[in-house]
Amino acid sequence: MRTRSPISIALVALLLAGCSQQPTPEPSEGPSATSAQSDIPTAAPQPSAVETASSSETALSDLAAGMGCTGYGLAATVAPGAAEYGTCQLEGVRIQLYRFATQEDKQVFLEQVKAYGVVESQLALSDDGLIAAAPADQRLLPQLKTALAG
């Protein structure tokens, strides 16, 4: 028969005694923690991915409409460095619209599209440089630059 040491028995007894006691709440000022938790939200609600994409689409679609561009839609592919990328038609010509979160992101984009022969002078840019329009026909570039300048 196996015997247990007095120390092991004492530890088990202390652990069991601790589990059976009710914890005493610490005094606090104001309402109890339970009622405070139900009254105060723990974090601000975050938009879902669907809501974020939808509001982004609206912003670029409004921009496209303001330029006279029709049939705007978010692109199915991702453009390097672009936070948003969509296409529309202006006078029957495909226009690609890009929105960048930062100037650094725009530079990433410009570095990547160099491989396709695209340079910054072929893009119409907003005043802050964070929105770009790339027409398939460069004859529309002056019109796009004017539309993005405001």
N, C-alpha and C. Protein backbone atom coordinates (compact mmCIF):
# COMPACT_ATOMS: atom_id res chain seq x y z
N MET A 1 0.83 -1.17 0.00
CA MET A 1 0.00 0.00 0.00
C MET A 1 0.88 1.24 0.00
N ARG A 2 0.40 2.18 -0.71
CA ARG A 2 1.18 3.39 -0.88
C ARG A 2 0.74 4.42 0.15
N THR A 3 1.68 5.11 0.76
CA THR A 3 1.34 6.14 1.75
C THR A 3 1.68 7.51 1.21
N ARG A 4 0.92 8.46 1.61
CA ARG A 4 1.13 9.84 1.17
C ARG A 4 1.84 10.58 2.29
N SER A 5 2.67 11.50 1.91
CA SER A 5 3.39 12.28 2.91
C SER A 5 2.45 13.29 3.55
N PRO A 6 2.71 13.65 4.77
CA PRO A 6 1.86 14.65 5.46
C PRO A 6 1.85 15.99 4.71
N ILE A 7 2.92 16.34 4.02
CA ILE A 7 2.97 17.61 3.30
C ILE A 7 2.00 17.58 2.12
N SER A 8 1.94 16.49 1.37
CA SER A 8 1.02 16.37 0.24
C SER A 8 -0.41 16.48 0.70
N ILE A 9 -0.74 15.82 1.81
CA ILE A 9 -2.09 15.86 2.34
C ILE A 9 -2.45 17.27 2.76
N ALA A 10 -1.53 17.97 3.38
CA ALA A 10 -1.77 19.33 3.84
C ALA A 10 -1.99 20.26 2.63
N LEU A 11 -1.21 20.11 1.56
CA LEU A 11 -1.38 20.93 0.36
C LEU A 11 -2.75 20.70 -0.28
N VAL A 12 -3.17 19.45 -0.39
CA VAL A 12 -4.46 19.15 -0.98
C VAL A 12 -5.57 19.76 -0.12
N ALA A 13 -5.44 19.65 1.20
CA ALA A 13 -6.45 20.20 2.10
C ALA A 13 -6.54 21.72 1.96
N LEU A 14 -5.40 22.40 1.83
CA LEU A 14 -5.40 23.85 1.66
C LEU A 14 -6.02 24.25 0.32
N LEU A 15 -5.71 23.51 -0.73
CA LEU A 15 -6.28 23.82 -2.03
C LEU A 15 -7.79 23.65 -2.03
N LEU A 16 -8.27 22.57 -1.42
CA LEU A 16 -9.70 22.33 -1.35
C LEU A 16 -10.40 23.39 -0.51
N ALA A 17 -9.76 23.78 0.56
CA ALA A 17 -10.35 24.81 1.43
C ALA A 17 -10.44 26.13 0.68
N GLY A 18 -9.44 26.45 -0.13
CA GLY A 18 -9.45 27.69 -0.89
C GLY A 18 -10.53 27.69 -1.96
N CYS A 19 -10.81 26.55 -2.55
CA CYS A 19 -11.84 26.45 -3.59
C CYS A 19 -13.24 26.60 -3.02
N SER A 20 -13.44 26.21 -1.79
CA SER A 20 -14.78 26.24 -1.22
C SER A 20 -15.16 27.59 -0.63
N GLN A 21 -14.20 28.47 -0.41
CA GLN A 21 -14.51 29.77 0.18
C GLN A 21 -14.97 30.74 -0.91
N GLN A 22 -15.91 31.61 -0.56
CA GLN A 22 -16.37 32.65 -1.45
C GLN A 22 -15.36 33.78 -1.44
N PRO A 23 -14.99 34.31 -2.59
CA PRO A 23 -14.05 35.43 -2.59
C PRO A 23 -14.72 36.68 -2.03
N THR A 24 -13.95 37.44 -1.31
CA THR A 24 -14.48 38.69 -0.76
C THR A 24 -14.16 39.81 -1.73
N PRO A 25 -15.18 40.56 -2.12
CA PRO A 25 -14.91 41.64 -3.07
C PRO A 25 -14.10 42.74 -2.42
N GLU A 26 -13.24 43.32 -3.24
CA GLU A 26 -12.44 44.43 -2.74
C GLU A 26 -13.28 45.69 -2.78
N PRO A 27 -13.15 46.55 -1.79
CA PRO A 27 -13.94 47.78 -1.79
C PRO A 27 -13.53 48.66 -2.97
N SER A 28 -14.52 49.31 -3.57
CA SER A 28 -14.23 50.24 -4.66
C SER A 28 -15.15 51.44 -4.51
N GLU A 29 -14.76 52.51 -5.17
CA GLU A 29 -15.58 53.71 -5.15
C GLU A 29 -16.59 53.63 -6.27
N GLY A 30 -17.75 54.19 -6.10
CA GLY A 30 -18.75 54.25 -7.17
C GLY A 30 -19.52 52.95 -7.28
N PRO A 31 -20.18 52.76 -8.42
CA PRO A 31 -21.02 51.59 -8.62
C PRO A 31 -20.18 50.32 -8.66
N SER A 32 -20.81 49.22 -8.40
CA SER A 32 -20.09 47.96 -8.40
C SER A 32 -19.58 47.66 -9.80
N ALA A 33 -18.57 46.79 -9.88
CA ALA A 33 -17.97 46.46 -11.17
C ALA A 33 -18.99 45.80 -12.08
N THR A 34 -19.91 45.06 -11.52
CA THR A 34 -20.91 44.38 -12.34
C THR A 34 -21.80 45.37 -13.06
N SER A 35 -22.31 46.38 -12.35
CA SER A 35 -23.18 47.34 -13.01
C SER A 35 -22.39 48.24 -13.95
N ALA A 36 -21.14 48.53 -13.62
CA ALA A 36 -20.33 49.38 -14.49
C ALA A 36 -20.07 48.68 -15.82
N GLN A 37 -19.88 47.37 -15.78
CA GLN A 37 -19.61 46.65 -17.02
C GLN A 37 -20.80 46.69 -17.96
N SER A 38 -21.99 46.67 -17.42
CA SER A 38 -23.15 46.67 -18.30
C SER A 38 -23.46 48.06 -18.85
N ASP A 39 -22.97 49.11 -18.22
CA ASP A 39 -23.27 50.47 -18.65
C ASP A 39 -22.24 51.05 -19.61
N ILE A 40 -21.01 50.56 -19.58
CA ILE A 40 -19.93 51.15 -20.34
C ILE A 40 -19.48 50.17 -21.42
N PRO A 41 -19.51 50.56 -22.68
CA PRO A 41 -19.02 49.65 -23.71
C PRO A 41 -17.52 49.47 -23.58
N THR A 42 -17.04 48.27 -23.88
CA THR A 42 -15.62 47.99 -23.73
C THR A 42 -14.81 48.52 -24.91
N ALA A 43 -15.43 48.61 -26.07
CA ALA A 43 -14.72 49.12 -27.24
C ALA A 43 -15.73 49.72 -28.20
N ALA A 44 -15.25 50.66 -28.98
CA ALA A 44 -16.13 51.26 -29.98
C ALA A 44 -16.44 50.22 -31.05
N PRO A 45 -17.64 50.22 -31.59
CA PRO A 45 -17.96 49.26 -32.63
C PRO A 45 -17.08 49.49 -33.85
N GLN A 46 -16.59 48.41 -34.41
CA GLN A 46 -15.75 48.48 -35.59
C GLN A 46 -16.58 48.11 -36.82
N PRO A 47 -16.38 48.81 -37.94
CA PRO A 47 -17.13 48.45 -39.14
C PRO A 47 -16.68 47.09 -39.65
N SER A 48 -17.59 46.35 -40.20
CA SER A 48 -17.23 45.06 -40.77
C SER A 48 -16.52 45.29 -42.09
N ALA A 49 -15.88 44.24 -42.60
CA ALA A 49 -15.17 44.35 -43.87
C ALA A 49 -16.13 44.75 -44.99
N VAL A 50 -17.35 44.27 -44.93
CA VAL A 50 -18.33 44.61 -45.95
C VAL A 50 -18.66 46.09 -45.90
N GLU A 51 -18.87 46.63 -44.70
CA GLU A 51 -19.18 48.05 -44.57
C GLU A 51 -18.01 48.90 -45.05
N THR A 52 -16.78 48.52 -44.74
CA THR A 52 -15.61 49.27 -45.15
C THR A 52 -15.50 49.29 -46.67
N ALA A 53 -15.64 48.12 -47.29
CA ALA A 53 -15.54 48.05 -48.75
C ALA A 53 -16.65 48.86 -49.40
N SER A 54 -17.83 48.81 -48.84
CA SER A 54 -18.96 49.53 -49.41
C SER A 54 -18.74 51.03 -49.36
N SER A 55 -18.27 51.55 -48.23
CA SER A 55 -18.05 52.99 -48.13
C SER A 55 -16.90 53.42 -49.04
N SER A 56 -15.90 52.58 -49.22
CA SER A 56 -14.80 52.89 -50.13
C SER A 56 -15.30 52.93 -51.56
N GLU A 57 -16.16 52.00 -51.92
CA GLU A 57 -16.69 51.97 -53.28
C GLU A 57 -17.51 53.22 -53.55
N THR A 58 -18.29 53.65 -52.58
CA THR A 58 -19.09 54.86 -52.75
C THR A 58 -18.20 56.06 -52.98
N ALA A 59 -17.13 56.17 -52.23
CA ALA A 59 -16.24 57.32 -52.38
C ALA A 59 -15.62 57.37 -53.77
N LEU A 60 -15.10 56.27 -54.26
CA LEU A 60 -14.51 56.26 -55.59
C LEU A 60 -15.58 56.36 -56.68
N SER A 61 -16.75 55.78 -56.44
CA SER A 61 -17.80 55.89 -57.45
C SER A 61 -18.29 57.33 -57.56
N ASP A 62 -18.34 58.05 -56.45
CA ASP A 62 -18.70 59.47 -56.49
C ASP A 62 -17.65 60.26 -57.28
N LEU A 63 -16.40 59.94 -57.05
CA LEU A 63 -15.32 60.59 -57.77
C LEU A 63 -15.44 60.31 -59.27
N ALA A 64 -15.70 59.05 -59.60
CA ALA A 64 -15.86 58.67 -61.01
C ALA A 64 -17.03 59.43 -61.65
N ALA A 65 -18.15 59.47 -60.94
CA ALA A 65 -19.33 60.17 -61.47
C ALA A 65 -19.04 61.66 -61.67
N GLY A 66 -18.29 62.25 -60.74
CA GLY A 66 -17.94 63.67 -60.85
C GLY A 66 -17.06 63.95 -62.06
N MET A 67 -16.33 62.95 -62.52
CA MET A 67 -15.47 63.11 -63.70
C MET A 67 -16.22 62.79 -64.99
N GLY A 68 -17.48 62.36 -64.85
CA GLY A 68 -18.24 61.98 -66.03
C GLY A 68 -18.01 60.54 -66.44
N CYS A 69 -17.38 59.78 -65.55
CA CYS A 69 -17.06 58.38 -65.80
C CYS A 69 -18.27 57.52 -65.43
N THR A 70 -18.61 56.54 -66.26
CA THR A 70 -19.78 55.70 -65.99
C THR A 70 -19.36 54.25 -65.78
N GLY A 71 -20.27 53.47 -65.19
CA GLY A 71 -20.04 52.03 -65.00
C GLY A 71 -18.94 51.71 -64.02
N TYR A 72 -18.75 52.58 -63.01
CA TYR A 72 -17.68 52.34 -62.04
C TYR A 72 -17.91 51.04 -61.28
N GLY A 73 -16.82 50.33 -61.04
CA GLY A 73 -16.85 49.15 -60.19
C GLY A 73 -15.47 48.89 -59.62
N LEU A 74 -15.45 48.34 -58.40
CA LEU A 74 -14.17 47.97 -57.80
C LEU A 74 -13.56 46.86 -58.64
N ALA A 75 -12.26 46.92 -58.84
CA ALA A 75 -11.57 45.91 -59.63
C ALA A 75 -11.49 44.60 -58.85
N ALA A 76 -11.50 43.50 -59.57
CA ALA A 76 -11.41 42.18 -58.94
C ALA A 76 -9.98 41.86 -58.53
N THR A 77 -9.02 42.58 -59.07
CA THR A 77 -7.61 42.34 -58.74
C THR A 77 -7.10 43.42 -57.80
N VAL A 78 -5.94 43.20 -57.25
CA VAL A 78 -5.33 44.15 -56.33
C VAL A 78 -4.20 44.88 -57.06
N ALA A 79 -4.15 46.17 -56.89
CA ALA A 79 -3.05 46.97 -57.45
C ALA A 79 -2.02 47.18 -56.34
N PRO A 80 -0.75 46.98 -56.63
CA PRO A 80 0.28 47.12 -55.59
C PRO A 80 0.29 48.53 -55.01
N GLY A 81 0.24 48.61 -53.69
CA GLY A 81 0.29 49.89 -52.99
C GLY A 81 -1.03 50.62 -52.90
N ALA A 82 -2.02 50.23 -53.70
CA ALA A 82 -3.29 50.94 -53.71
C ALA A 82 -4.21 50.42 -52.62
N ALA A 83 -4.81 51.35 -51.89
CA ALA A 83 -5.81 50.97 -50.88
C ALA A 83 -7.12 50.60 -51.57
N GLU A 84 -7.41 51.26 -52.71
CA GLU A 84 -8.62 51.00 -53.49
C GLU A 84 -8.26 51.11 -54.96
N TYR A 85 -8.94 50.33 -55.76
CA TYR A 85 -8.69 50.33 -57.20
C TYR A 85 -9.96 49.95 -57.91
N GLY A 86 -10.38 50.78 -58.86
CA GLY A 86 -11.58 50.49 -59.63
C GLY A 86 -11.46 51.01 -61.05
N THR A 87 -12.44 50.65 -61.86
CA THR A 87 -12.43 51.09 -63.25
C THR A 87 -13.78 51.67 -63.63
N CYS A 88 -13.77 52.51 -64.67
CA CYS A 88 -14.99 53.09 -65.23
C CYS A 88 -14.73 53.42 -66.68
N GLN A 89 -15.75 53.95 -67.35
CA GLN A 89 -15.65 54.31 -68.76
C GLN A 89 -15.88 55.81 -68.93
N LEU A 90 -15.01 56.45 -69.66
CA LEU A 90 -15.17 57.86 -69.97
C LEU A 90 -15.05 58.00 -71.49
N GLU A 91 -16.13 58.45 -72.12
CA GLU A 91 -16.16 58.58 -73.58
C GLU A 91 -15.75 57.29 -74.27
N GLY A 92 -16.17 56.16 -73.69
CA GLY A 92 -15.87 54.86 -74.27
C GLY A 92 -14.47 54.34 -73.99
N VAL A 93 -13.72 55.05 -73.15
CA VAL A 93 -12.34 54.67 -72.83
C VAL A 93 -12.27 54.18 -71.38
N ARG A 94 -11.56 53.09 -71.15
CA ARG A 94 -11.40 52.55 -69.79
C ARG A 94 -10.47 53.45 -68.98
N ILE A 95 -10.94 53.79 -67.79
CA ILE A 95 -10.17 54.61 -66.86
C ILE A 95 -9.95 53.77 -65.60
N GLN A 96 -8.72 53.72 -65.14
CA GLN A 96 -8.41 53.03 -63.89
C GLN A 96 -8.21 54.09 -62.81
N LEU A 97 -8.92 53.91 -61.69
CA LEU A 97 -8.84 54.86 -60.57
C LEU A 97 -8.16 54.17 -59.39
N TYR A 98 -7.24 54.88 -58.77
CA TYR A 98 -6.49 54.34 -57.63
C TYR A 98 -6.57 55.32 -56.48
N ARG A 99 -6.68 54.79 -55.26
CA ARG A 99 -6.59 55.61 -54.06
C ARG A 99 -5.47 55.01 -53.21
N PHE A 100 -4.59 55.88 -52.74
CA PHE A 100 -3.45 55.46 -51.92
C PHE A 100 -3.62 56.01 -50.51
N ALA A 101 -3.21 55.23 -49.53
CA ALA A 101 -3.32 55.66 -48.13
C ALA A 101 -2.23 56.68 -47.80
N THR A 102 -1.05 56.52 -48.39
CA THR A 102 0.08 57.40 -48.10
C THR A 102 0.88 57.67 -49.38
N GLN A 103 1.73 58.66 -49.34
CA GLN A 103 2.63 58.93 -50.46
C GLN A 103 3.58 57.75 -50.69
N GLU A 104 3.97 57.10 -49.60
CA GLU A 104 4.85 55.93 -49.71
C GLU A 104 4.16 54.82 -50.49
N ASP A 105 2.87 54.62 -50.23
CA ASP A 105 2.12 53.60 -50.97
C ASP A 105 2.06 53.95 -52.45
N LYS A 106 1.91 55.24 -52.76
CA LYS A 106 1.89 55.66 -54.16
C LYS A 106 3.24 55.36 -54.82
N GLN A 107 4.32 55.57 -54.09
CA GLN A 107 5.65 55.29 -54.64
C GLN A 107 5.83 53.79 -54.89
N VAL A 108 5.29 52.95 -54.02
CA VAL A 108 5.33 51.49 -54.23
C VAL A 108 4.62 51.16 -55.54
N PHE A 109 3.46 51.75 -55.74
CA PHE A 109 2.68 51.55 -56.95
C PHE A 109 3.49 51.97 -58.18
N LEU A 110 4.07 53.17 -58.15
CA LEU A 110 4.82 53.68 -59.29
C LEU A 110 6.02 52.79 -59.62
N GLU A 111 6.68 52.28 -58.60
CA GLU A 111 7.81 51.37 -58.83
C GLU A 111 7.35 50.08 -59.52
N GLN A 112 6.20 49.57 -59.10
CA GLN A 112 5.69 48.32 -59.67
C GLN A 112 5.21 48.49 -61.11
N VAL A 113 4.54 49.60 -61.42
CA VAL A 113 3.99 49.77 -62.77
C VAL A 113 5.04 50.18 -63.79
N LYS A 114 6.22 50.54 -63.33
CA LYS A 114 7.31 50.84 -64.27
C LYS A 114 7.58 49.64 -65.18
N ALA A 115 7.42 48.44 -64.64
CA ALA A 115 7.65 47.22 -65.42
C ALA A 115 6.71 47.12 -66.62
N TYR A 116 5.57 47.83 -66.56
CA TYR A 116 4.59 47.83 -67.64
C TYR A 116 4.72 49.08 -68.51
N GLY A 117 5.76 49.88 -68.27
CA GLY A 117 5.99 51.08 -69.05
C GLY A 117 5.17 52.28 -68.63
N VAL A 118 4.56 52.22 -67.44
CA VAL A 118 3.74 53.33 -66.95
C VAL A 118 4.61 54.21 -66.05
N VAL A 119 4.55 55.51 -66.33
CA VAL A 119 5.28 56.47 -65.51
C VAL A 119 4.29 57.49 -64.96
N GLU A 120 4.71 58.22 -63.93
CA GLU A 120 3.82 59.16 -63.24
C GLU A 120 3.23 60.21 -64.17
N SER A 121 3.97 60.61 -65.19
CA SER A 121 3.47 61.64 -66.11
C SER A 121 2.28 61.16 -66.94
N GLN A 122 2.01 59.86 -66.94
CA GLN A 122 0.87 59.30 -67.67
C GLN A 122 -0.37 59.19 -66.79
N LEU A 123 -0.28 59.70 -65.56
CA LEU A 123 -1.39 59.63 -64.61
C LEU A 123 -1.90 61.02 -64.29
N ALA A 124 -3.19 61.11 -64.08
CA ALA A 124 -3.78 62.33 -63.53
C ALA A 124 -3.82 62.14 -62.03
N LEU A 125 -3.29 63.09 -61.27
CA LEU A 125 -3.22 62.98 -59.81
C LEU A 125 -4.03 64.07 -59.13
N SER A 126 -4.62 63.73 -58.00
CA SER A 126 -5.30 64.73 -57.19
C SER A 126 -4.27 65.67 -56.60
N ASP A 127 -4.73 66.78 -56.04
CA ASP A 127 -3.82 67.77 -55.46
C ASP A 127 -2.90 67.16 -54.40
N ASP A 128 -3.45 66.25 -53.58
CA ASP A 128 -2.63 65.64 -52.54
C ASP A 128 -1.84 64.43 -53.04
N GLY A 129 -2.07 64.04 -54.29
CA GLY A 129 -1.33 62.93 -54.88
C GLY A 129 -1.79 61.55 -54.45
N LEU A 130 -2.88 61.48 -53.70
CA LEU A 130 -3.33 60.18 -53.17
C LEU A 130 -4.41 59.52 -54.02
N ILE A 131 -4.86 60.20 -55.06
CA ILE A 131 -5.80 59.61 -56.01
C ILE A 131 -5.19 59.76 -57.39
N ALA A 132 -5.22 58.68 -58.15
CA ALA A 132 -4.67 58.70 -59.51
C ALA A 132 -5.68 58.12 -60.47
N ALA A 133 -5.68 58.67 -61.67
CA ALA A 133 -6.51 58.15 -62.76
C ALA A 133 -5.60 57.85 -63.93
N ALA A 134 -5.75 56.65 -64.48
CA ALA A 134 -4.92 56.23 -65.61
C ALA A 134 -5.84 55.89 -66.79
N PRO A 135 -5.87 56.76 -67.81
CA PRO A 135 -6.72 56.49 -68.97
C PRO A 135 -6.02 55.54 -69.94
N ALA A 136 -6.81 54.68 -70.59
CA ALA A 136 -6.26 53.81 -71.62
C ALA A 136 -5.86 54.63 -72.85
N ASP A 137 -6.47 55.78 -73.01
CA ASP A 137 -6.15 56.69 -74.12
C ASP A 137 -5.63 57.99 -73.50
N GLN A 138 -4.36 58.30 -73.73
CA GLN A 138 -3.72 59.46 -73.12
C GLN A 138 -4.34 60.79 -73.56
N ARG A 139 -5.15 60.80 -74.61
CA ARG A 139 -5.80 62.05 -75.02
C ARG A 139 -6.78 62.54 -73.95
N LEU A 140 -7.22 61.64 -73.05
CA LEU A 140 -8.15 62.04 -71.97
C LEU A 140 -7.41 62.54 -70.73
N LEU A 141 -6.09 62.47 -70.72
CA LEU A 141 -5.31 62.87 -69.54
C LEU A 141 -5.57 64.32 -69.12
N PRO A 142 -5.58 65.31 -70.00
CA PRO A 142 -5.85 66.69 -69.56
C PRO A 142 -7.23 66.84 -68.89
N GLN A 143 -8.23 66.16 -69.44
CA GLN A 143 -9.57 66.22 -68.87
C GLN A 143 -9.59 65.61 -67.46
N LEU A 144 -8.91 64.51 -67.27
CA LEU A 144 -8.83 63.86 -65.95
C LEU A 144 -8.04 64.71 -64.96
N LYS A 145 -6.96 65.33 -65.42
CA LYS A 145 -6.18 66.19 -64.53
C LYS A 145 -7.03 67.36 -64.03
N THR A 146 -7.82 67.95 -64.94
CA THR A 146 -8.70 69.05 -64.54
C THR A 146 -9.73 68.57 -63.52
N ALA A 147 -10.31 67.39 -63.74
CA ALA A 147 -11.33 66.86 -62.84
C ALA A 147 -10.76 66.54 -61.46
N LEU A 148 -9.53 66.08 -61.39
CA LEU A 148 -8.93 65.73 -60.10
C LEU A 148 -8.30 66.93 -59.39
N ALA A 149 -8.12 68.02 -60.09
CA ALA A 149 -7.47 69.20 -59.51
C ALA A 149 -8.37 69.91 -58.49
N GLY A 150 -9.65 69.67 -58.52
CA GLY A 150 -10.55 70.39 -57.63
C GLY A 150 -10.81 69.68 -56.42
